[in-house]
Amino acid sequence: MALVFDPIRKKRIVLTPEETVRQNLIKYLTTQKGYPQSLISVEAPLKYAGACKRSDLLVYNNAGQPLMLIECKAPEVALTNKVFEQIAIYNLAIKAPYLLITNGVQTFCMKANTSPPHFLKELPEYEEMKTLIQ
């Protein structure tokens, strides 16, 4: 059983395919896009319709408000409407203005609560993401 050090949770985690995607995304967000580690939460608890769930990643702004909710899947899991529905349902509790889903092969970043969905061409850097919601 392979382990990987999670820099957000500050402990070793079993390296499942989904965890590999999550850790690669954390590294990309923090090293390439300027997202502060201190403003990223892993497996943040949320309640929806009485059920306790956990988000894969949640990025906050400097004021501690949700900025982007992220759902990670293993590479072999297709990003179907079911995955979009899952993150939309989770976001009813979190109310993040941006959503991101990825399986490490495909990634979609979108503005929440728009119809039709407004997809971003690429994942913005953290400073740009903050300005998009103002």
N, C-alpha and C. Protein backbone atom coordinates (compact mmCIF):
# COMPACT_ATOMS: atom_id res chain seq x y z
N MET A 1 0.85 -1.18 0.00
CA MET A 1 0.00 0.00 0.00
C MET A 1 0.90 1.24 0.00
N ALA A 2 0.78 2.02 -1.05
CA ALA A 2 1.59 3.24 -1.19
C ALA A 2 0.94 4.39 -0.42
N LEU A 3 1.78 5.21 0.17
CA LEU A 3 1.31 6.39 0.90
C LEU A 3 1.90 7.64 0.25
N VAL A 4 1.19 8.75 0.40
CA VAL A 4 1.66 10.04 -0.09
C VAL A 4 1.42 11.05 1.03
N PHE A 5 2.34 12.02 1.15
CA PHE A 5 2.17 13.08 2.15
C PHE A 5 1.24 14.15 1.58
N ASP A 6 0.16 14.42 2.28
CA ASP A 6 -0.79 15.46 1.88
C ASP A 6 -0.36 16.76 2.56
N PRO A 7 0.07 17.77 1.79
CA PRO A 7 0.56 19.02 2.39
C PRO A 7 -0.55 19.85 3.05
N ILE A 8 -1.80 19.58 2.71
CA ILE A 8 -2.91 20.32 3.31
C ILE A 8 -3.27 19.71 4.66
N ARG A 9 -3.47 18.40 4.68
CA ARG A 9 -3.82 17.71 5.92
C ARG A 9 -2.61 17.42 6.80
N LYS A 10 -1.41 17.58 6.22
CA LYS A 10 -0.15 17.39 6.93
C LYS A 10 -0.03 15.98 7.53
N LYS A 11 -0.39 14.99 6.71
CA LYS A 11 -0.23 13.59 7.12
C LYS A 11 -0.17 12.71 5.88
N ARG A 12 0.28 11.47 6.09
CA ARG A 12 0.36 10.51 4.99
C ARG A 12 -1.03 9.91 4.73
N ILE A 13 -1.33 9.75 3.45
CA ILE A 13 -2.63 9.28 2.98
C ILE A 13 -2.40 8.11 2.03
N VAL A 14 -3.29 7.12 2.06
CA VAL A 14 -3.22 6.01 1.11
C VAL A 14 -3.40 6.56 -0.30
N LEU A 15 -2.52 6.15 -1.19
CA LEU A 15 -2.50 6.68 -2.55
C LEU A 15 -3.42 5.87 -3.47
N THR A 16 -4.71 6.18 -3.42
CA THR A 16 -5.69 5.58 -4.33
C THR A 16 -5.65 6.36 -5.65
N PRO A 17 -6.27 5.85 -6.70
CA PRO A 17 -6.31 6.62 -7.96
C PRO A 17 -6.94 8.00 -7.78
N GLU A 18 -8.03 8.10 -7.01
CA GLU A 18 -8.65 9.40 -6.78
C GLU A 18 -7.73 10.32 -5.97
N GLU A 19 -7.04 9.75 -4.99
CA GLU A 19 -6.11 10.56 -4.18
C GLU A 19 -4.96 11.07 -5.03
N THR A 20 -4.52 10.27 -6.00
CA THR A 20 -3.46 10.72 -6.91
C THR A 20 -3.93 11.95 -7.67
N VAL A 21 -5.16 11.93 -8.17
CA VAL A 21 -5.72 13.08 -8.89
C VAL A 21 -5.78 14.28 -7.96
N ARG A 22 -6.26 14.08 -6.72
CA ARG A 22 -6.38 15.19 -5.77
C ARG A 22 -5.01 15.79 -5.45
N GLN A 23 -4.02 14.94 -5.18
CA GLN A 23 -2.69 15.45 -4.84
C GLN A 23 -2.03 16.17 -6.01
N ASN A 24 -2.22 15.65 -7.22
CA ASN A 24 -1.69 16.34 -8.40
C ASN A 24 -2.36 17.70 -8.58
N LEU A 25 -3.66 17.77 -8.32
CA LEU A 25 -4.37 19.04 -8.45
C LEU A 25 -3.91 20.03 -7.37
N ILE A 26 -3.75 19.56 -6.14
CA ILE A 26 -3.25 20.44 -5.07
C ILE A 26 -1.90 21.02 -5.47
N LYS A 27 -1.02 20.16 -5.97
CA LYS A 27 0.32 20.64 -6.38
C LYS A 27 0.21 21.67 -7.50
N TYR A 28 -0.65 21.40 -8.48
CA TYR A 28 -0.85 22.32 -9.60
C TYR A 28 -1.41 23.66 -9.11
N LEU A 29 -2.44 23.60 -8.28
CA LEU A 29 -3.05 24.83 -7.76
C LEU A 29 -2.05 25.68 -7.00
N THR A 30 -1.25 25.05 -6.15
CA THR A 30 -0.35 25.81 -5.28
C THR A 30 0.94 26.24 -5.98
N THR A 31 1.49 25.41 -6.87
CA THR A 31 2.77 25.76 -7.49
C THR A 31 2.63 26.50 -8.81
N GLN A 32 1.56 26.21 -9.56
CA GLN A 32 1.40 26.82 -10.88
C GLN A 32 0.40 27.97 -10.91
N LYS A 33 -0.61 27.92 -10.05
CA LYS A 33 -1.68 28.91 -10.11
C LYS A 33 -1.75 29.83 -8.90
N GLY A 34 -0.84 29.67 -7.94
CA GLY A 34 -0.75 30.61 -6.83
C GLY A 34 -1.84 30.50 -5.77
N TYR A 35 -2.49 29.35 -5.67
CA TYR A 35 -3.52 29.15 -4.63
C TYR A 35 -2.82 28.87 -3.31
N PRO A 36 -3.05 29.68 -2.28
CA PRO A 36 -2.39 29.46 -0.99
C PRO A 36 -2.86 28.16 -0.33
N GLN A 37 -1.89 27.35 0.11
CA GLN A 37 -2.24 26.11 0.81
C GLN A 37 -3.16 26.36 1.99
N SER A 38 -2.93 27.48 2.67
CA SER A 38 -3.71 27.79 3.87
C SER A 38 -5.18 28.06 3.57
N LEU A 39 -5.52 28.28 2.29
CA LEU A 39 -6.91 28.57 1.92
C LEU A 39 -7.55 27.41 1.16
N ILE A 40 -6.94 26.23 1.28
CA ILE A 40 -7.49 25.03 0.66
C ILE A 40 -7.84 24.04 1.77
N SER A 41 -9.04 23.50 1.69
CA SER A 41 -9.49 22.50 2.66
C SER A 41 -9.72 21.18 1.93
N VAL A 42 -9.29 20.09 2.55
CA VAL A 42 -9.49 18.75 2.00
C VAL A 42 -10.60 18.06 2.79
N GLU A 43 -11.56 17.50 2.08
CA GLU A 43 -12.67 16.76 2.68
C GLU A 43 -13.42 17.59 3.73
N ALA A 44 -13.76 18.82 3.36
CA ALA A 44 -14.54 19.68 4.25
C ALA A 44 -15.94 19.07 4.42
N PRO A 45 -16.40 18.95 5.67
CA PRO A 45 -17.73 18.37 5.87
C PRO A 45 -18.83 19.31 5.39
N LEU A 46 -19.92 18.71 4.90
CA LEU A 46 -21.08 19.49 4.50
C LEU A 46 -22.32 18.64 4.74
N LYS A 47 -23.43 19.31 4.94
CA LYS A 47 -24.70 18.62 5.14
C LYS A 47 -25.66 19.02 4.04
N TYR A 48 -26.30 18.02 3.48
CA TYR A 48 -27.32 18.28 2.47
C TYR A 48 -28.45 17.29 2.67
N ALA A 49 -29.65 17.79 2.82
CA ALA A 49 -30.86 16.97 3.01
C ALA A 49 -30.66 15.97 4.15
N GLY A 50 -30.01 16.43 5.21
CA GLY A 50 -29.81 15.60 6.38
C GLY A 50 -28.66 14.62 6.28
N ALA A 51 -28.03 14.51 5.11
CA ALA A 51 -26.91 13.58 4.92
C ALA A 51 -25.59 14.31 5.14
N CYS A 52 -24.66 13.65 5.79
CA CYS A 52 -23.32 14.19 5.98
C CYS A 52 -22.44 13.75 4.82
N LYS A 53 -21.87 14.70 4.13
CA LYS A 53 -21.00 14.44 2.98
C LYS A 53 -19.68 15.16 3.21
N ARG A 54 -18.74 14.96 2.29
CA ARG A 54 -17.46 15.65 2.34
C ARG A 54 -17.08 16.10 0.93
N SER A 55 -16.63 17.34 0.84
CA SER A 55 -16.15 17.82 -0.46
C SER A 55 -14.70 17.37 -0.62
N ASP A 56 -14.28 17.12 -1.85
CA ASP A 56 -12.89 16.72 -2.07
C ASP A 56 -11.94 17.85 -1.73
N LEU A 57 -12.17 19.00 -2.34
CA LEU A 57 -11.36 20.20 -2.06
C LEU A 57 -12.29 21.41 -2.04
N LEU A 58 -11.95 22.35 -1.19
CA LEU A 58 -12.68 23.60 -1.14
C LEU A 58 -11.66 24.72 -0.99
N VAL A 59 -11.70 25.66 -1.92
CA VAL A 59 -10.80 26.81 -1.89
C VAL A 59 -11.57 27.99 -1.35
N TYR A 60 -10.94 28.72 -0.44
CA TYR A 60 -11.56 29.90 0.18
C TYR A 60 -10.88 31.16 -0.32
N ASN A 61 -11.59 32.29 -0.18
CA ASN A 61 -10.95 33.58 -0.44
C ASN A 61 -10.29 34.05 0.86
N ASN A 62 -9.67 35.21 0.83
CA ASN A 62 -8.96 35.72 2.01
C ASN A 62 -9.88 36.01 3.18
N ALA A 63 -11.17 36.19 2.93
CA ALA A 63 -12.15 36.46 3.98
C ALA A 63 -12.73 35.17 4.56
N GLY A 64 -12.26 34.01 4.05
CA GLY A 64 -12.74 32.73 4.56
C GLY A 64 -14.05 32.27 3.95
N GLN A 65 -14.47 32.90 2.86
CA GLN A 65 -15.70 32.49 2.17
C GLN A 65 -15.35 31.51 1.06
N PRO A 66 -16.23 30.53 0.80
CA PRO A 66 -15.97 29.58 -0.28
C PRO A 66 -15.78 30.28 -1.62
N LEU A 67 -14.77 29.88 -2.33
CA LEU A 67 -14.46 30.46 -3.64
C LEU A 67 -14.67 29.42 -4.75
N MET A 68 -14.15 28.19 -4.52
CA MET A 68 -14.28 27.16 -5.54
C MET A 68 -14.40 25.79 -4.88
N LEU A 69 -15.43 25.07 -5.25
CA LEU A 69 -15.66 23.71 -4.79
C LEU A 69 -15.12 22.77 -5.86
N ILE A 70 -14.38 21.74 -5.43
CA ILE A 70 -13.71 20.85 -6.37
C ILE A 70 -14.08 19.40 -6.07
N GLU A 71 -14.42 18.68 -7.12
CA GLU A 71 -14.71 17.25 -7.02
C GLU A 71 -13.70 16.49 -7.87
N CYS A 72 -12.98 15.56 -7.24
CA CYS A 72 -11.99 14.75 -7.93
C CYS A 72 -12.50 13.33 -8.09
N LYS A 73 -12.23 12.77 -9.23
CA LYS A 73 -12.57 11.38 -9.52
C LYS A 73 -11.32 10.66 -10.00
N ALA A 74 -11.33 9.34 -9.92
CA ALA A 74 -10.23 8.54 -10.44
C ALA A 74 -10.19 8.68 -11.97
N PRO A 75 -9.01 8.50 -12.58
CA PRO A 75 -8.91 8.68 -14.04
C PRO A 75 -9.86 7.82 -14.85
N GLU A 76 -10.21 6.64 -14.36
CA GLU A 76 -11.10 5.77 -15.12
C GLU A 76 -12.57 6.14 -14.97
N VAL A 77 -12.89 7.12 -14.12
CA VAL A 77 -14.28 7.55 -13.93
C VAL A 77 -14.59 8.68 -14.91
N ALA A 78 -15.55 8.45 -15.76
CA ALA A 78 -15.95 9.47 -16.74
C ALA A 78 -16.65 10.63 -16.06
N LEU A 79 -16.42 11.83 -16.56
CA LEU A 79 -17.06 13.03 -16.01
C LEU A 79 -18.41 13.21 -16.70
N THR A 80 -19.39 12.49 -16.20
CA THR A 80 -20.73 12.47 -16.77
C THR A 80 -21.62 13.51 -16.10
N ASN A 81 -22.85 13.59 -16.57
CA ASN A 81 -23.83 14.49 -15.93
C ASN A 81 -24.00 14.17 -14.46
N LYS A 82 -23.84 12.91 -14.08
CA LYS A 82 -23.97 12.50 -12.68
C LYS A 82 -22.93 13.22 -11.81
N VAL A 83 -21.72 13.38 -12.31
CA VAL A 83 -20.67 14.08 -11.56
C VAL A 83 -21.01 15.57 -11.46
N PHE A 84 -21.51 16.15 -12.56
CA PHE A 84 -21.93 17.55 -12.53
C PHE A 84 -23.06 17.75 -11.53
N GLU A 85 -24.00 16.82 -11.50
CA GLU A 85 -25.12 16.90 -10.56
C GLU A 85 -24.63 16.77 -9.12
N GLN A 86 -23.67 15.87 -8.88
CA GLN A 86 -23.13 15.69 -7.53
C GLN A 86 -22.53 16.98 -7.00
N ILE A 87 -21.70 17.63 -7.79
CA ILE A 87 -21.05 18.86 -7.31
C ILE A 87 -22.07 19.99 -7.17
N ALA A 88 -23.07 20.02 -8.05
CA ALA A 88 -24.12 21.05 -7.95
C ALA A 88 -24.92 20.87 -6.66
N ILE A 89 -25.22 19.62 -6.30
CA ILE A 89 -25.95 19.34 -5.06
C ILE A 89 -25.10 19.73 -3.85
N TYR A 90 -23.82 19.36 -3.87
CA TYR A 90 -22.93 19.75 -2.76
C TYR A 90 -22.87 21.27 -2.64
N ASN A 91 -22.91 21.94 -3.79
CA ASN A 91 -22.78 23.39 -3.75
C ASN A 91 -24.03 24.09 -3.22
N LEU A 92 -25.15 23.39 -3.15
CA LEU A 92 -26.33 23.98 -2.51
C LEU A 92 -26.03 24.30 -1.05
N ALA A 93 -25.17 23.49 -0.42
CA ALA A 93 -24.79 23.73 0.98
C ALA A 93 -23.63 24.71 1.09
N ILE A 94 -22.68 24.65 0.14
CA ILE A 94 -21.45 25.45 0.25
C ILE A 94 -21.60 26.84 -0.36
N LYS A 95 -22.28 26.92 -1.49
CA LYS A 95 -22.51 28.19 -2.19
C LYS A 95 -21.22 28.85 -2.71
N ALA A 96 -20.34 28.04 -3.27
CA ALA A 96 -19.13 28.57 -3.89
C ALA A 96 -19.49 29.14 -5.26
N PRO A 97 -18.90 30.26 -5.65
CA PRO A 97 -19.22 30.83 -6.96
C PRO A 97 -18.62 30.07 -8.14
N TYR A 98 -17.62 29.20 -7.88
CA TYR A 98 -17.00 28.42 -8.94
C TYR A 98 -16.92 26.96 -8.56
N LEU A 99 -17.05 26.10 -9.58
CA LEU A 99 -17.00 24.65 -9.41
C LEU A 99 -15.95 24.09 -10.36
N LEU A 100 -15.26 23.04 -9.91
CA LEU A 100 -14.29 22.37 -10.76
C LEU A 100 -14.45 20.87 -10.57
N ILE A 101 -14.49 20.14 -11.68
CA ILE A 101 -14.47 18.69 -11.59
C ILE A 101 -13.31 18.20 -12.45
N THR A 102 -12.66 17.13 -11.98
CA THR A 102 -11.53 16.58 -12.72
C THR A 102 -11.38 15.10 -12.42
N ASN A 103 -10.88 14.38 -13.41
CA ASN A 103 -10.47 13.00 -13.20
C ASN A 103 -8.98 12.86 -13.55
N GLY A 104 -8.30 13.98 -13.66
CA GLY A 104 -6.89 13.98 -13.99
C GLY A 104 -6.63 13.91 -15.49
N VAL A 105 -7.63 13.49 -16.25
CA VAL A 105 -7.54 13.43 -17.70
C VAL A 105 -8.30 14.62 -18.30
N GLN A 106 -9.50 14.83 -17.78
CA GLN A 106 -10.33 15.97 -18.18
C GLN A 106 -10.58 16.84 -16.95
N THR A 107 -10.67 18.14 -17.17
CA THR A 107 -10.97 19.08 -16.10
C THR A 107 -11.93 20.12 -16.64
N PHE A 108 -12.98 20.40 -15.86
CA PHE A 108 -13.93 21.44 -16.22
C PHE A 108 -14.06 22.40 -15.05
N CYS A 109 -13.90 23.68 -15.34
CA CYS A 109 -14.10 24.72 -14.33
C CYS A 109 -15.24 25.59 -14.83
N MET A 110 -16.20 25.85 -13.95
CA MET A 110 -17.38 26.60 -14.38
C MET A 110 -17.86 27.56 -13.31
N LYS A 111 -18.58 28.55 -13.75
CA LYS A 111 -19.23 29.47 -12.83
C LYS A 111 -20.49 28.77 -12.34
N ALA A 112 -20.72 28.80 -11.04
CA ALA A 112 -21.88 28.12 -10.45
C ALA A 112 -23.16 28.90 -10.73
N ASN A 113 -24.25 28.17 -10.73
CA ASN A 113 -25.58 28.76 -10.81
C ASN A 113 -25.82 29.60 -12.06
N THR A 114 -25.30 29.14 -13.19
CA THR A 114 -25.59 29.81 -14.46
C THR A 114 -26.27 28.79 -15.38
N SER A 115 -27.18 29.27 -16.17
CA SER A 115 -27.87 28.39 -17.10
C SER A 115 -27.94 29.09 -18.45
N PRO A 116 -27.34 28.54 -19.48
CA PRO A 116 -26.57 27.30 -19.48
C PRO A 116 -25.26 27.48 -18.72
N PRO A 117 -24.58 26.38 -18.36
CA PRO A 117 -23.33 26.50 -17.60
C PRO A 117 -22.30 27.36 -18.33
N HIS A 118 -21.61 28.20 -17.58
CA HIS A 118 -20.55 29.03 -18.14
C HIS A 118 -19.21 28.40 -17.78
N PHE A 119 -18.59 27.73 -18.77
CA PHE A 119 -17.32 27.07 -18.55
C PHE A 119 -16.18 28.04 -18.83
N LEU A 120 -15.15 27.99 -17.99
CA LEU A 120 -13.96 28.80 -18.20
C LEU A 120 -13.03 28.06 -19.15
N LYS A 121 -12.32 28.79 -19.99
CA LYS A 121 -11.42 28.16 -20.94
C LYS A 121 -10.24 27.50 -20.24
N GLU A 122 -9.81 28.09 -19.14
CA GLU A 122 -8.75 27.49 -18.35
C GLU A 122 -8.91 27.91 -16.90
N LEU A 123 -8.29 27.17 -16.03
CA LEU A 123 -8.36 27.46 -14.60
C LEU A 123 -7.58 28.75 -14.31
N PRO A 124 -8.25 29.76 -13.76
CA PRO A 124 -7.56 31.02 -13.48
C PRO A 124 -6.57 30.90 -12.33
N GLU A 125 -5.60 31.79 -12.32
CA GLU A 125 -4.72 31.88 -11.16
C GLU A 125 -5.54 32.40 -9.99
N TYR A 126 -5.04 32.19 -8.78
CA TYR A 126 -5.81 32.54 -7.59
C TYR A 126 -6.20 34.02 -7.57
N GLU A 127 -5.26 34.91 -7.84
CA GLU A 127 -5.56 36.35 -7.80
C GLU A 127 -6.63 36.72 -8.82
N GLU A 128 -6.60 36.08 -9.99
CA GLU A 128 -7.61 36.34 -11.02
C GLU A 128 -8.96 35.76 -10.58
N MET A 129 -8.95 34.57 -9.98
CA MET A 129 -10.19 33.93 -9.53
C MET A 129 -10.90 34.84 -8.53
N LYS A 130 -10.15 35.45 -7.63
CA LYS A 130 -10.77 36.34 -6.64
C LYS A 130 -11.46 37.51 -7.31
N THR A 131 -10.88 38.04 -8.38
CA THR A 131 -11.46 39.20 -9.04
C THR A 131 -12.68 38.83 -9.88
N LEU A 132 -12.78 37.58 -10.31
CA LEU A 132 -13.91 37.15 -11.14
C LEU A 132 -15.23 37.19 -10.38
N ILE A 133 -15.19 37.11 -9.05
CA ILE A 133 -16.45 37.09 -8.30
C ILE A 133 -16.88 38.46 -7.83
N GLN A 134 -16.05 39.46 -8.03
CA GLN A 134 -16.40 40.79 -7.55
C GLN A 134 -17.30 41.50 -8.53
